[in-house]
């Protein structure tokens, strides 16, 4: 639950570049969790 809380916090950084980096990090975390939920399909012979 702590990860969801961290992702929900507002962007508070000293400059625009750091805000962008935080946003990219959050997107990467969400994408990794999404990838875990996608099933791997293998062809049967």
N, C-alpha and C. Protein backbone atom coordinates (compact mmCIF):
# COMPACT_ATOMS: atom_id res chain seq x y z
N UNK A 1 0.83 -1.19 0.00
CA UNK A 1 0.00 0.00 0.00
C UNK A 1 0.87 1.26 0.00
N UNK A 2 2.09 1.12 0.48
CA UNK A 2 2.97 2.28 0.53
C UNK A 2 3.33 2.76 -0.87
N UNK A 3 3.47 1.84 -1.84
CA UNK A 3 3.80 2.24 -3.21
C UNK A 3 2.68 3.09 -3.81
N UNK A 4 1.43 2.70 -3.56
CA UNK A 4 0.30 3.46 -4.08
C UNK A 4 0.29 4.85 -3.45
N UNK A 5 0.59 4.92 -2.15
CA UNK A 5 0.62 6.20 -1.47
C UNK A 5 1.72 7.09 -2.05
N UNK A 6 2.90 6.52 -2.31
CA UNK A 6 3.99 7.30 -2.88
C UNK A 6 3.66 7.79 -4.29
N UNK A 7 2.98 6.94 -5.07
CA UNK A 7 2.63 7.34 -6.43
C UNK A 7 1.55 8.41 -6.45
N UNK A 8 0.76 8.49 -5.39
CA UNK A 8 -0.32 9.46 -5.35
C UNK A 8 0.08 10.82 -4.81
N UNK A 9 1.29 10.95 -4.31
CA UNK A 9 1.72 12.22 -3.76
C UNK A 9 1.93 13.23 -4.88
N UNK A 10 1.70 14.51 -4.60
CA UNK A 10 1.89 15.53 -5.64
C UNK A 10 3.36 15.72 -5.99
N UNK A 11 3.59 16.25 -7.19
CA UNK A 11 4.96 16.52 -7.63
C UNK A 11 5.47 17.79 -6.95
N UNK A 12 6.41 17.63 -6.05
CA UNK A 12 7.02 18.78 -5.38
C UNK A 12 8.53 18.66 -5.59
N UNK A 13 9.06 19.43 -6.49
CA UNK A 13 10.50 19.43 -6.74
C UNK A 13 10.95 20.86 -7.00
N UNK A 14 12.25 21.07 -6.89
CA UNK A 14 12.78 22.42 -6.98
C UNK A 14 12.79 22.96 -8.41
N UNK A 15 12.91 22.08 -9.41
CA UNK A 15 12.93 22.57 -10.78
C UNK A 15 12.16 21.62 -11.70
N UNK A 16 11.93 22.09 -12.90
CA UNK A 16 11.11 21.34 -13.86
C UNK A 16 11.75 20.02 -14.26
N UNK A 17 13.07 20.00 -14.40
CA UNK A 17 13.78 18.78 -14.78
C UNK A 17 13.59 17.65 -13.78
N UNK A 18 13.64 17.99 -12.51
CA UNK A 18 13.44 16.97 -11.48
C UNK A 18 12.00 16.49 -11.44
N UNK A 19 11.05 17.38 -11.70
CA UNK A 19 9.66 16.96 -11.77
C UNK A 19 9.47 15.97 -12.91
N UNK A 20 10.11 16.24 -14.05
CA UNK A 20 10.04 15.32 -15.19
C UNK A 20 10.64 13.97 -14.86
N UNK A 21 11.77 13.98 -14.14
CA UNK A 21 12.42 12.73 -13.76
C UNK A 21 11.54 11.93 -12.82
N UNK A 22 10.88 12.61 -11.88
CA UNK A 22 9.97 11.92 -10.96
C UNK A 22 8.81 11.30 -11.73
N UNK A 23 8.30 12.04 -12.70
CA UNK A 23 7.17 11.55 -13.48
C UNK A 23 7.58 10.33 -14.30
N UNK A 24 8.75 10.36 -14.91
CA UNK A 24 9.24 9.22 -15.69
C UNK A 24 9.44 7.99 -14.79
N UNK A 25 9.92 8.21 -13.57
CA UNK A 25 10.11 7.11 -12.63
C UNK A 25 8.77 6.49 -12.26
N UNK A 26 7.78 7.33 -11.99
CA UNK A 26 6.45 6.81 -11.64
C UNK A 26 5.86 6.00 -12.79
N UNK A 27 6.02 6.49 -14.00
CA UNK A 27 5.51 5.77 -15.18
C UNK A 27 6.21 4.43 -15.31
N UNK A 28 7.52 4.39 -15.09
CA UNK A 28 8.27 3.14 -15.18
C UNK A 28 7.79 2.13 -14.15
N UNK A 29 7.49 2.60 -12.94
CA UNK A 29 7.00 1.70 -11.88
C UNK A 29 5.65 1.13 -12.26
N UNK A 30 4.74 1.97 -12.73
CA UNK A 30 3.41 1.50 -13.11
C UNK A 30 3.51 0.54 -14.29
N UNK A 31 4.36 0.83 -15.26
CA UNK A 31 4.53 -0.07 -16.41
C UNK A 31 5.09 -1.42 -15.99
N UNK A 32 5.98 -1.44 -15.00
CA UNK A 32 6.53 -2.72 -14.55
C UNK A 32 5.46 -3.56 -13.87
N UNK A 33 4.58 -2.93 -13.08
CA UNK A 33 3.48 -3.67 -12.46
C UNK A 33 2.50 -4.16 -13.51
N UNK A 34 2.26 -3.38 -14.54
CA UNK A 34 1.38 -3.80 -15.63
C UNK A 34 1.97 -4.99 -16.36
N UNK A 35 3.27 -4.97 -16.60
CA UNK A 35 3.93 -6.07 -17.30
C UNK A 35 3.83 -7.37 -16.51
N UNK A 36 3.82 -7.29 -15.19
CA UNK A 36 3.70 -8.49 -14.37
C UNK A 36 2.34 -9.16 -14.55
N UNK A 37 1.32 -8.38 -14.88
CA UNK A 37 -0.02 -8.93 -15.02
C UNK A 37 -0.35 -9.45 -16.40
N UNK A 38 0.53 -9.25 -17.38
CA UNK A 38 0.27 -9.71 -18.75
C UNK A 38 0.74 -11.16 -18.88
N UNK A 39 -0.16 -12.07 -19.29
CA UNK A 39 0.24 -13.47 -19.41
C UNK A 39 1.19 -13.70 -20.59
N UNK A 40 2.05 -14.69 -20.44
CA UNK A 40 2.98 -15.07 -21.51
C UNK A 40 2.33 -16.20 -22.29
N UNK A 41 2.17 -16.01 -23.59
CA UNK A 41 1.51 -17.00 -24.45
C UNK A 41 2.57 -17.77 -25.23
N UNK A 42 2.46 -19.09 -25.20
CA UNK A 42 3.37 -19.94 -25.95
C UNK A 42 2.57 -20.82 -26.90
N UNK A 43 3.10 -21.04 -28.10
CA UNK A 43 2.43 -21.87 -29.09
C UNK A 43 2.58 -23.35 -28.73
N UNK A 44 1.50 -24.11 -28.91
CA UNK A 44 1.52 -25.55 -28.68
C UNK A 44 1.77 -26.27 -29.99
N UNK A 45 2.52 -27.34 -29.93
CA UNK A 45 2.79 -28.10 -31.15
C UNK A 45 1.94 -29.34 -31.19
